[in-house]
């Protein structure tokens, strides 16, 4: 009985390890779904500081065969003090995303918002990927100008109050309150209720927000663009956070680039239009499988 019990424990540990991985620097990969297929989808959240929990509904709309992994950099979201991260979990940001791509055999990386910007700041990714998906993101920090102007045109008193509270006491609870207060900027009226619920239940990490604000957000500029790697750009037609018109420049076009404009969707387009986003991702997976 002891040997049988030990065997069962070993099997359970092996199953857990197969669905939860940490890279050498503490990047966390959690398998959301396992299904026979050639692609390992690696979903990198935006924020920063909100964690890959924000992408669970997005992971649910992907029906293409393959495994779906939720990825958190060391120190981001709920991935606090992971094994291997060292005293400064942000020391390898954003290039540490390479370790996630190296952890699976057929990586297609998907970055939402700031997550996509981290990917485009890491040229070492290109030879490691089978495909790249950019959702509600941008090629440079110019999007911030449009965002600031939008907030002036559409002020939210709750955001102003939450900002004062966060600046006075920058706790993760106040960060959550600030994010929830911004719901109407992030979602269309149709998606506000679901969006508010999403923003309210995510983990928040002010240390990750501070790192990005001090080292990345204002100076970001993509350091690479795929030469032939299949690339999908998904944009909500009503995204008021990140200006999606920045992708209209000819240098971001090409036979290997597909653009999916999701009508009636905001900054989290899979919330308002899950079927449209899922169809775009499934078609992209089929194109990769066909070698296009």
C-alpha atoms as a PDB file:
ATOM      1  CA  UNK A   1       0.000   0.000   0.000  1.00  0.00           C
ATOM      2  CA  UNK A   2       2.875   2.366   0.803  1.00  0.00           C
ATOM      3  CA  UNK A   3       4.408   1.830  -2.617  1.00  0.00           C
ATOM      4  CA  UNK A   4       1.036   2.340  -4.309  1.00  0.00           C
ATOM      5  CA  UNK A   5       0.492   5.517  -2.311  1.00  0.00           C
ATOM      6  CA  UNK A   6       3.942   6.805  -3.277  1.00  0.00           C
ATOM      7  CA  UNK A   7       3.224   6.048  -6.922  1.00  0.00           C
ATOM      8  CA  UNK A   8      -0.039   7.986  -6.786  1.00  0.00           C
ATOM      9  CA  UNK A   9       1.702  10.948  -5.188  1.00  0.00           C
ATOM     10  CA  UNK A  10       4.377  10.832  -7.889  1.00  0.00           C
ATOM     11  CA  UNK A  11       1.728  10.768 -10.607  1.00  0.00           C
ATOM     12  CA  UNK A  12      -0.083  13.735  -9.092  1.00  0.00           C
ATOM     13  CA  UNK A  13       3.157  15.683  -8.809  1.00  0.00           C
ATOM     14  CA  UNK A  14       4.043  14.887 -12.427  1.00  0.00           C
ATOM     15  CA  UNK A  15       0.628  16.080 -13.599  1.00  0.00           C
ATOM     16  CA  UNK A  16       0.973  19.289 -11.605  1.00  0.00           C
ATOM     17  CA  UNK A  17       4.459  19.900 -12.974  1.00  0.00           C
ATOM     18  CA  UNK A  18       3.250  19.368 -16.524  1.00  0.00           C
ATOM     19  CA  UNK A  19       0.708  22.166 -16.110  1.00  0.00           C
ATOM     20  CA  UNK A  20       2.804  24.523 -13.992  1.00  0.00           C
ATOM     21  CA  UNK A  21       6.323  25.522 -14.972  1.00  0.00           C
ATOM     22  CA  UNK A  22       8.864  28.094 -13.850  1.00  0.00           C
ATOM     23  CA  UNK A  23      11.771  29.089 -16.057  1.00  0.00           C
ATOM     24  CA  UNK A  24      15.256  29.672 -14.692  1.00  0.00           C
ATOM     25  CA  UNK A  25      14.454  33.332 -13.954  1.00  0.00           C
ATOM     26  CA  UNK A  26      11.008  32.721 -12.514  1.00  0.00           C
ATOM     27  CA  UNK A  27       8.725  33.226 -15.512  1.00  0.00           C
ATOM     28  CA  UNK A  28       5.574  31.263 -14.682  1.00  0.00           C
ATOM     29  CA  UNK A  29       3.677  29.208 -17.261  1.00  0.00           C
ATOM     30  CA  UNK A  30       0.306  27.781 -16.258  1.00  0.00           C
ATOM     31  CA  UNK A  31      -1.445  25.529 -18.728  1.00  0.00           C
ATOM     32  CA  UNK A  32      -5.024  26.705 -19.171  1.00  0.00           C
ATOM     33  CA  UNK A  33      -5.977  23.962 -21.597  1.00  0.00           C
ATOM     34  CA  UNK A  34      -4.286  20.892 -23.005  1.00  0.00           C
ATOM     35  CA  UNK A  35      -5.428  19.545 -26.340  1.00  0.00           C
ATOM     36  CA  UNK A  36      -3.659  17.600 -29.029  1.00  0.00           C
ATOM     37  CA  UNK A  37      -2.275  19.991 -31.601  1.00  0.00           C
ATOM     38  CA  UNK A  38       0.923  21.575 -32.884  1.00  0.00           C
ATOM     39  CA  UNK A  39       0.766  25.007 -31.227  1.00  0.00           C
ATOM     40  CA  UNK A  40       1.742  26.162 -27.761  1.00  0.00           C
ATOM     41  CA  UNK A  41      -0.103  29.440 -27.229  1.00  0.00           C
ATOM     42  CA  UNK A  42       1.720  31.680 -24.752  1.00  0.00           C
ATOM     43  CA  UNK A  43      -0.527  34.491 -23.501  1.00  0.00           C
ATOM     44  CA  UNK A  44       1.256  37.495 -21.961  1.00  0.00           C
ATOM     45  CA  UNK A  45      -0.967  39.963 -20.065  1.00  0.00           C
ATOM     46  CA  UNK A  46      -1.068  43.717 -20.307  1.00  0.00           C
ATOM     47  CA  UNK A  47      -1.022  46.131 -17.434  1.00  0.00           C
ATOM     48  CA  UNK A  48       1.563  45.559 -16.202  1.00  0.00           C
ATOM     49  CA  UNK A  49       0.683  44.353 -12.739  1.00  0.00           C
ATOM     50  CA  UNK A  50      -2.677  42.704 -13.495  1.00  0.00           C
ATOM     51  CA  UNK A  51      -1.471  39.174 -14.157  1.00  0.00           C
ATOM     52  CA  UNK A  52      -2.434  36.570 -16.710  1.00  0.00           C
ATOM     53  CA  UNK A  53      -5.716  35.972 -14.885  1.00  0.00           C
ATOM     54  CA  UNK A  54      -6.950  38.822 -17.070  1.00  0.00           C
ATOM     55  CA  UNK A  55      -6.615  36.565 -20.120  1.00  0.00           C
ATOM     56  CA  UNK A  56      -8.647  33.550 -18.998  1.00  0.00           C
ATOM     57  CA  UNK A  57     -11.689  34.512 -21.055  1.00  0.00           C
ATOM     58  CA  UNK A  58      -9.405  35.099 -24.037  1.00  0.00           C
ATOM     59  CA  UNK A  59      -7.885  31.657 -23.584  1.00  0.00           C
ATOM     60  CA  UNK A  60     -11.397  30.201 -23.575  1.00  0.00           C
ATOM     61  CA  UNK A  61     -12.224  31.534 -27.055  1.00  0.00           C
ATOM     62  CA  UNK A  62      -9.291  29.776 -28.726  1.00  0.00           C
ATOM     63  CA  UNK A  63     -10.633  26.509 -30.128  1.00  0.00           C
ATOM     64  CA  UNK A  64      -7.657  25.697 -32.376  1.00  0.00           C
ATOM     65  CA  UNK A  65      -5.816  22.509 -31.361  1.00  0.00           C
ATOM     66  CA  UNK A  66      -2.877  22.925 -29.014  1.00  0.00           C
ATOM     67  CA  UNK A  67      -1.996  23.908 -25.470  1.00  0.00           C
ATOM     68  CA  UNK A  68      -2.742  27.337 -24.047  1.00  0.00           C
ATOM     69  CA  UNK A  69      -0.411  28.751 -21.413  1.00  0.00           C
ATOM     70  CA  UNK A  70      -0.955  31.801 -19.201  1.00  0.00           C
ATOM     71  CA  UNK A  71       2.411  33.530 -18.759  1.00  0.00           C
ATOM     72  CA  UNK A  72       3.502  35.821 -15.923  1.00  0.00           C
ATOM     73  CA  UNK A  73       6.897  37.477 -15.757  1.00  0.00           C
ATOM     74  CA  UNK A  74       8.687  37.292 -12.390  1.00  0.00           C
ATOM     75  CA  UNK A  75       7.235  39.878 -10.046  1.00  0.00           C
ATOM     76  CA  UNK A  76       4.128  40.488 -12.160  1.00  0.00           C
ATOM     77  CA  UNK A  77       0.548  39.877 -11.086  1.00  0.00           C
ATOM     78  CA  UNK A  78       0.360  37.042  -8.567  1.00  0.00           C
ATOM     79  CA  UNK A  79       3.778  35.650  -9.587  1.00  0.00           C
ATOM     80  CA  UNK A  80       5.487  37.164  -6.558  1.00  0.00           C
ATOM     81  CA  UNK A  81       8.923  35.839  -5.503  1.00  0.00           C
ATOM     82  CA  UNK A  82       8.916  32.826  -7.828  1.00  0.00           C
ATOM     83  CA  UNK A  83      11.787  30.334  -7.740  1.00  0.00           C
ATOM     84  CA  UNK A  84      14.818  31.636  -9.608  1.00  0.00           C
ATOM     85  CA  UNK A  85      13.814  35.294  -9.633  1.00  0.00           C
ATOM     86  CA  UNK A  86      16.484  36.526  -7.231  1.00  0.00           C
ATOM     87  CA  UNK A  87      16.423  39.665  -5.127  1.00  0.00           C
ATOM     88  CA  UNK A  88      15.236  41.851  -8.029  1.00  0.00           C
ATOM     89  CA  UNK A  89      12.510  40.039 -10.004  1.00  0.00           C
ATOM     90  CA  UNK A  90      12.467  42.829 -12.609  1.00  0.00           C
ATOM     91  CA  UNK A  91      16.174  42.604 -13.475  1.00  0.00           C
ATOM     92  CA  UNK A  92      15.540  40.693 -16.700  1.00  0.00           C
ATOM     93  CA  UNK A  93      12.442  42.561 -17.870  1.00  0.00           C
ATOM     94  CA  UNK A  94      11.238  42.543 -20.588  1.00  0.00           C
ATOM     95  CA  UNK A  95      13.751  40.228 -22.303  1.00  0.00           C
ATOM     96  CA  UNK A  96      12.975  37.434 -19.886  1.00  0.00           C
ATOM     97  CA  UNK A  97       9.950  36.628 -22.084  1.00  0.00           C
ATOM     98  CA  UNK A  98      12.452  34.681 -24.208  1.00  0.00           C
ATOM     99  CA  UNK A  99      12.515  32.009 -21.525  1.00  0.00           C
ATOM    100  CA  UNK A 100       8.797  31.372 -22.002  1.00  0.00           C
ATOM    101  CA  UNK A 101       9.288  30.825 -25.730  1.00  0.00           C
ATOM    102  CA  UNK A 102      12.166  28.473 -25.019  1.00  0.00           C
ATOM    103  CA  UNK A 103      10.055  26.405 -22.621  1.00  0.00           C
ATOM    104  CA  UNK A 104       7.760  24.943 -25.301  1.00  0.00           C
ATOM    105  CA  UNK A 105       8.433  23.399 -28.727  1.00  0.00           C
ATOM    106  CA  UNK A 106       6.070  25.406 -30.981  1.00  0.00           C
ATOM    107  CA  UNK A 107       5.478  28.812 -29.457  1.00  0.00           C
ATOM    108  CA  UNK A 108       2.953  31.333 -30.698  1.00  0.00           C
ATOM    109  CA  UNK A 109       3.183  34.320 -28.379  1.00  0.00           C
ATOM    110  CA  UNK A 110       0.208  36.590 -27.799  1.00  0.00           C
ATOM    111  CA  UNK A 111       0.702  39.877 -26.001  1.00  0.00           C
ATOM    112  CA  UNK A 112      -2.133  42.067 -24.798  1.00  0.00           C
ATOM    113  CA  UNK A 113      -1.491  45.813 -24.532  1.00  0.00           C
ATOM    114  CA  UNK A 114       1.774  46.343 -22.600  1.00  0.00           C
ATOM    115  CA  UNK A 115       2.432  42.616 -22.897  1.00  0.00           C
ATOM    116  CA  UNK A 116       2.650  43.014 -26.664  1.00  0.00           C
ATOM    117  CA  UNK A 117       5.021  45.945 -26.209  1.00  0.00           C
ATOM    118  CA  UNK A 118       7.305  43.760 -24.121  1.00  0.00           C
ATOM    119  CA  UNK A 119       7.339  41.217 -26.953  1.00  0.00           C
ATOM    120  CA  UNK A 120       8.205  43.876 -29.528  1.00  0.00           C
ATOM    121  CA  UNK A 121      11.076  45.024 -27.289  1.00  0.00           C
ATOM    122  CA  UNK A 122      12.705  41.585 -27.451  1.00  0.00           C
ATOM    123  CA  UNK A 123      14.182  40.823 -30.897  1.00  0.00           C
ATOM    124  CA  UNK A 124      15.631  37.521 -29.648  1.00  0.00           C
ATOM    125  CA  UNK A 125      12.084  36.145 -29.840  1.00  0.00           C
ATOM    126  CA  UNK A 126      11.838  36.119 -33.628  1.00  0.00           C
ATOM    127  CA  UNK A 127      13.710  32.850 -34.349  1.00  0.00           C
ATOM    128  CA  UNK A 128      11.972  31.098 -31.462  1.00  0.00           C
ATOM    129  CA  UNK A 129       8.377  31.666 -32.591  1.00  0.00           C
ATOM    130  CA  UNK A 130       5.950  30.050 -34.996  1.00  0.00           C
ATOM    131  CA  UNK A 131       3.698  33.077 -34.855  1.00  0.00           C
ATOM    132  CA  UNK A 132       3.072  36.405 -33.129  1.00  0.00           C
ATOM    133  CA  UNK A 133      -0.287  37.845 -32.031  1.00  0.00           C
ATOM    134  CA  UNK A 134      -0.620  41.469 -30.891  1.00  0.00           C
ATOM    135  CA  UNK A 135      -3.870  42.438 -29.187  1.00  0.00           C
ATOM    136  CA  UNK A 136      -4.714  46.073 -28.370  1.00  0.00           C
ATOM    137  CA  UNK A 137      -1.054  47.044 -28.366  1.00  0.00           C
ATOM    138  CA  UNK A 138       1.169  49.544 -30.198  1.00  0.00           C
ATOM    139  CA  UNK A 139       4.581  49.851 -31.871  1.00  0.00           C
ATOM    140  CA  UNK A 140       5.680  52.841 -29.787  1.00  0.00           C
ATOM    141  CA  UNK A 141       4.872  55.069 -26.843  1.00  0.00           C
ATOM    142  CA  UNK A 142       3.056  57.574 -29.092  1.00  0.00           C
ATOM    143  CA  UNK A 143      -0.202  55.927 -28.014  1.00  0.00           C
ATOM    144  CA  UNK A 144       0.133  57.664 -24.671  1.00  0.00           C
ATOM    145  CA  UNK A 145      -0.491  61.074 -26.227  1.00  0.00           C
ATOM    146  CA  UNK A 146      -3.813  59.932 -27.658  1.00  0.00           C
ATOM    147  CA  UNK A 147      -4.737  58.307 -24.359  1.00  0.00           C
ATOM    148  CA  UNK A 148      -4.110  61.481 -22.350  1.00  0.00           C
ATOM    149  CA  UNK A 149      -6.175  63.502 -24.808  1.00  0.00           C
ATOM    150  CA  UNK A 150      -9.007  60.946 -24.560  1.00  0.00           C
ATOM    151  CA  UNK A 151      -9.052  61.247 -20.770  1.00  0.00           C
ATOM    152  CA  UNK A 152      -9.362  65.020 -21.077  1.00  0.00           C
ATOM    153  CA  UNK A 153     -12.306  64.697 -23.433  1.00  0.00           C
ATOM    154  CA  UNK A 154     -13.997  61.997 -21.352  1.00  0.00           C
ATOM    155  CA  UNK A 155     -13.090  62.589 -17.693  1.00  0.00           C
ATOM    156  CA  UNK A 156     -14.207  60.073 -15.087  1.00  0.00           C
ATOM    157  CA  UNK A 157     -14.545  61.629 -11.607  1.00  0.00           C
ATOM    158  CA  UNK A 158     -14.139  58.193 -10.012  1.00  0.00           C
ATOM    159  CA  UNK A 159     -10.731  57.843 -11.691  1.00  0.00           C
ATOM    160  CA  UNK A 160      -9.614  61.226 -10.363  1.00  0.00           C
ATOM    161  CA  UNK A 161     -10.615  60.258  -6.822  1.00  0.00           C
ATOM    162  CA  UNK A 162      -8.999  56.824  -7.080  1.00  0.00           C
ATOM    163  CA  UNK A 163      -5.801  58.385  -8.428  1.00  0.00           C
ATOM    164  CA  UNK A 164      -5.560  60.713  -5.432  1.00  0.00           C
ATOM    165  CA  UNK A 165      -6.034  57.752  -3.071  1.00  0.00           C
ATOM    166  CA  UNK A 166      -3.427  55.656  -4.886  1.00  0.00           C
ATOM    167  CA  UNK A 167      -0.843  58.428  -4.966  1.00  0.00           C
ATOM    168  CA  UNK A 168      -1.357  59.046  -1.265  1.00  0.00           C
ATOM    169  CA  UNK A 169      -1.111  55.337  -0.417  1.00  0.00           C
ATOM    170  CA  UNK A 170       0.058  53.179  -3.367  1.00  0.00           C
ATOM    171  CA  UNK A 171      -1.327  49.855  -2.193  1.00  0.00           C
ATOM    172  CA  UNK A 172      -2.492  47.032  -4.420  1.00  0.00           C
ATOM    173  CA  UNK A 173      -6.041  47.563  -3.137  1.00  0.00           C
ATOM    174  CA  UNK A 174      -5.983  51.196  -4.240  1.00  0.00           C
ATOM    175  CA  UNK A 175      -4.497  50.098  -7.574  1.00  0.00           C
ATOM    176  CA  UNK A 176      -7.446  47.754  -8.032  1.00  0.00           C
ATOM    177  CA  UNK A 177      -9.866  50.555  -7.196  1.00  0.00           C
ATOM    178  CA  UNK A 178      -8.196  52.771  -9.793  1.00  0.00           C
ATOM    179  CA  UNK A 179      -8.457  50.071 -12.449  1.00  0.00           C
ATOM    180  CA  UNK A 180     -12.120  49.412 -11.683  1.00  0.00           C
ATOM    181  CA  UNK A 181     -12.845  53.149 -11.816  1.00  0.00           C
ATOM    182  CA  UNK A 182     -11.457  53.213 -15.374  1.00  0.00           C
ATOM    183  CA  UNK A 183     -13.866  50.535 -16.632  1.00  0.00           C
ATOM    184  CA  UNK A 184     -15.768  52.880 -18.935  1.00  0.00           C
ATOM    185  CA  UNK A 185     -12.560  53.779 -20.759  1.00  0.00           C
ATOM    186  CA  UNK A 186     -11.607  50.158 -21.297  1.00  0.00           C
ATOM    187  CA  UNK A 187     -14.941  48.753 -22.463  1.00  0.00           C
ATOM    188  CA  UNK A 188     -17.838  49.730 -24.658  1.00  0.00           C
ATOM    189  CA  UNK A 189     -21.189  50.376 -22.935  1.00  0.00           C
ATOM    190  CA  UNK A 190     -22.160  46.834 -23.900  1.00  0.00           C
ATOM    191  CA  UNK A 191     -19.150  45.400 -22.105  1.00  0.00           C
ATOM    192  CA  UNK A 192     -19.044  47.607 -19.007  1.00  0.00           C
ATOM    193  CA  UNK A 193     -20.731  45.155 -16.626  1.00  0.00           C
ATOM    194  CA  UNK A 194     -18.529  42.206 -17.614  1.00  0.00           C
ATOM    195  CA  UNK A 195     -15.503  44.483 -17.748  1.00  0.00           C
ATOM    196  CA  UNK A 196     -16.054  45.815 -14.254  1.00  0.00           C
ATOM    197  CA  UNK A 197     -16.313  42.265 -12.923  1.00  0.00           C
ATOM    198  CA  UNK A 198     -13.094  41.323 -14.726  1.00  0.00           C
ATOM    199  CA  UNK A 199     -11.143  44.290 -13.395  1.00  0.00           C
ATOM    200  CA  UNK A 200     -12.441  43.768  -9.874  1.00  0.00           C
ATOM    201  CA  UNK A 201     -11.289  40.154  -9.553  1.00  0.00           C
ATOM    202  CA  UNK A 202      -7.799  40.342 -11.022  1.00  0.00           C
ATOM    203  CA  UNK A 203      -4.668  40.326  -8.882  1.00  0.00           C
ATOM    204  CA  UNK A 204      -2.821  43.635  -8.810  1.00  0.00           C
ATOM    205  CA  UNK A 205       0.856  44.321  -8.309  1.00  0.00           C
ATOM    206  CA  UNK A 206       1.991  47.885  -7.784  1.00  0.00           C
ATOM    207  CA  UNK A 207       5.681  46.968  -7.914  1.00  0.00           C
ATOM    208  CA  UNK A 208       5.316  45.865 -11.545  1.00  0.00           C
ATOM    209  CA  UNK A 209       3.432  49.064 -12.383  1.00  0.00           C
ATOM    210  CA  UNK A 210       6.211  51.125 -10.830  1.00  0.00           C
ATOM    211  CA  UNK A 211       8.948  49.274 -12.709  1.00  0.00           C
ATOM    212  CA  UNK A 212       7.253  49.817 -16.061  1.00  0.00           C
ATOM    213  CA  UNK A 213       6.494  53.460 -15.305  1.00  0.00           C
ATOM    214  CA  UNK A 214      10.114  54.141 -14.336  1.00  0.00           C
ATOM    215  CA  UNK A 215      11.910  52.115 -17.002  1.00  0.00           C
ATOM    216  CA  UNK A 216       9.677  51.388 -19.976  1.00  0.00           C
ATOM    217  CA  UNK A 217       6.364  53.120 -20.641  1.00  0.00           C
ATOM    218  CA  UNK A 218       7.574  56.579 -21.727  1.00  0.00           C
ATOM    219  CA  UNK A 219      10.554  55.381 -23.778  1.00  0.00           C
ATOM    220  CA  UNK A 220       9.079  52.300 -25.435  1.00  0.00           C
ATOM    221  CA  UNK A 221       9.726  51.813 -29.128  1.00  0.00           C
ATOM    222  CA  UNK A 222       9.551  48.459 -30.894  1.00  0.00           C
ATOM    223  CA  UNK A 223      13.071  47.176 -31.546  1.00  0.00           C
ATOM    224  CA  UNK A 224      12.029  44.575 -34.131  1.00  0.00           C
ATOM    225  CA  UNK A 225       9.263  43.753 -36.555  1.00  0.00           C
ATOM    226  CA  UNK A 226       8.705  40.290 -38.066  1.00  0.00           C
ATOM    227  CA  UNK A 227      10.321  39.869 -41.469  1.00  0.00           C
ATOM    228  CA  UNK A 228       8.353  36.771 -42.448  1.00  0.00           C
ATOM    229  CA  UNK A 229       6.950  35.391 -39.187  1.00  0.00           C
ATOM    230  CA  UNK A 230       3.142  35.005 -39.359  1.00  0.00           C
ATOM    231  CA  UNK A 231       1.741  37.952 -37.419  1.00  0.00           C
ATOM    232  CA  UNK A 232      -1.808  38.811 -36.385  1.00  0.00           C
ATOM    233  CA  UNK A 233      -2.823  42.261 -35.132  1.00  0.00           C
ATOM    234  CA  UNK A 234      -6.173  42.297 -33.313  1.00  0.00           C
ATOM    235  CA  UNK A 235      -7.709  45.717 -32.708  1.00  0.00           C
ATOM    236  CA  UNK A 236     -11.000  46.688 -31.130  1.00  0.00           C
ATOM    237  CA  UNK A 237     -12.738  49.308 -33.238  1.00  0.00           C
ATOM    238  CA  UNK A 238     -13.576  51.253 -30.061  1.00  0.00           C
ATOM    239  CA  UNK A 239     -10.281  50.882 -28.202  1.00  0.00           C
ATOM    240  CA  UNK A 240      -9.871  54.150 -26.299  1.00  0.00           C
ATOM    241  CA  UNK A 241      -6.772  53.093 -24.360  1.00  0.00           C
ATOM    242  CA  UNK A 242      -4.196  52.310 -27.078  1.00  0.00           C
ATOM    243  CA  UNK A 243      -4.538  54.106 -30.424  1.00  0.00           C
ATOM    244  CA  UNK A 244      -4.782  51.339 -33.019  1.00  0.00           C
ATOM    245  CA  UNK A 245      -4.271  53.750 -35.940  1.00  0.00           C
ATOM    246  CA  UNK A 246      -0.528  53.478 -35.293  1.00  0.00           C
ATOM    247  CA  UNK A 247      -0.594  50.179 -37.183  1.00  0.00           C
ATOM    248  CA  UNK A 248      -1.689  51.906 -40.388  1.00  0.00           C
ATOM    249  CA  UNK A 249       1.897  52.734 -41.352  1.00  0.00           C
ATOM    250  CA  UNK A 250       3.001  50.726 -44.422  1.00  0.00           C
ATOM    251  CA  UNK A 251       6.027  49.293 -42.611  1.00  0.00           C
ATOM    252  CA  UNK A 252       3.682  47.178 -40.487  1.00  0.00           C
ATOM    253  CA  UNK A 253       2.017  45.632 -43.509  1.00  0.00           C
ATOM    254  CA  UNK A 254       3.064  42.634 -45.581  1.00  0.00           C
ATOM    255  CA  UNK A 255       1.922  39.229 -46.818  1.00  0.00           C
ATOM    256  CA  UNK A 256       2.799  37.685 -43.452  1.00  0.00           C
ATOM    257  CA  UNK A 257       0.712  40.219 -41.480  1.00  0.00           C
ATOM    258  CA  UNK A 258      -3.032  39.863 -40.903  1.00  0.00           C
ATOM    259  CA  UNK A 259      -5.142  42.585 -39.328  1.00  0.00           C
ATOM    260  CA  UNK A 260      -8.380  41.799 -37.544  1.00  0.00           C
ATOM    261  CA  UNK A 261     -10.500  44.823 -36.692  1.00  0.00           C
ATOM    262  CA  UNK A 262     -13.124  43.719 -34.179  1.00  0.00           C
ATOM    263  CA  UNK A 263     -16.226  45.871 -34.611  1.00  0.00           C
ATOM    264  CA  UNK A 264     -17.945  46.964 -31.421  1.00  0.00           C
ATOM    265  CA  UNK A 265     -15.050  46.010 -29.135  1.00  0.00           C
ATOM    266  CA  UNK A 266     -12.854  47.991 -26.764  1.00  0.00           C
ATOM    267  CA  UNK A 267      -9.452  47.428 -25.177  1.00  0.00           C
ATOM    268  CA  UNK A 268     -10.334  43.869 -24.119  1.00  0.00           C
ATOM    269  CA  UNK A 269     -12.015  42.871 -27.395  1.00  0.00           C
ATOM    270  CA  UNK A 270     -12.676  39.271 -26.371  1.00  0.00           C
ATOM    271  CA  UNK A 271     -15.082  40.489 -23.704  1.00  0.00           C
ATOM    272  CA  UNK A 272     -17.497  42.230 -26.088  1.00  0.00           C
ATOM    273  CA  UNK A 273     -16.877  40.058 -29.154  1.00  0.00           C
ATOM    274  CA  UNK A 274     -15.546  36.635 -28.086  1.00  0.00           C
ATOM    275  CA  UNK A 275     -16.656  34.849 -31.252  1.00  0.00           C
ATOM    276  CA  UNK A 276     -14.993  37.342 -33.569  1.00  0.00           C
ATOM    277  CA  UNK A 277     -11.729  37.216 -31.636  1.00  0.00           C
ATOM    278  CA  UNK A 278     -11.859  33.417 -31.462  1.00  0.00           C
ATOM    279  CA  UNK A 279     -12.506  33.128 -35.194  1.00  0.00           C
ATOM    280  CA  UNK A 280      -9.536  35.380 -35.946  1.00  0.00           C
ATOM    281  CA  UNK A 281      -7.231  33.290 -33.760  1.00  0.00           C
ATOM    282  CA  UNK A 282      -8.487  30.000 -35.202  1.00  0.00           C
ATOM    283  CA  UNK A 283      -7.987  31.241 -38.765  1.00  0.00           C
ATOM    284  CA  UNK A 284      -4.487  32.375 -37.843  1.00  0.00           C
ATOM    285  CA  UNK A 285      -3.690  28.940 -36.395  1.00  0.00           C
ATOM    286  CA  UNK A 286      -4.965  27.279 -39.576  1.00  0.00           C
ATOM    287  CA  UNK A 287      -2.749  29.533 -41.694  1.00  0.00           C
ATOM    288  CA  UNK A 288       0.296  28.633 -39.593  1.00  0.00           C
ATOM    289  CA  UNK A 289      -0.508  24.940 -39.919  1.00  0.00           C
ATOM    290  CA  UNK A 290      -0.804  25.353 -43.680  1.00  0.00           C
ATOM    291  CA  UNK A 291       2.591  27.043 -43.840  1.00  0.00           C
ATOM    292  CA  UNK A 292       1.297  30.425 -44.937  1.00  0.00           C
END
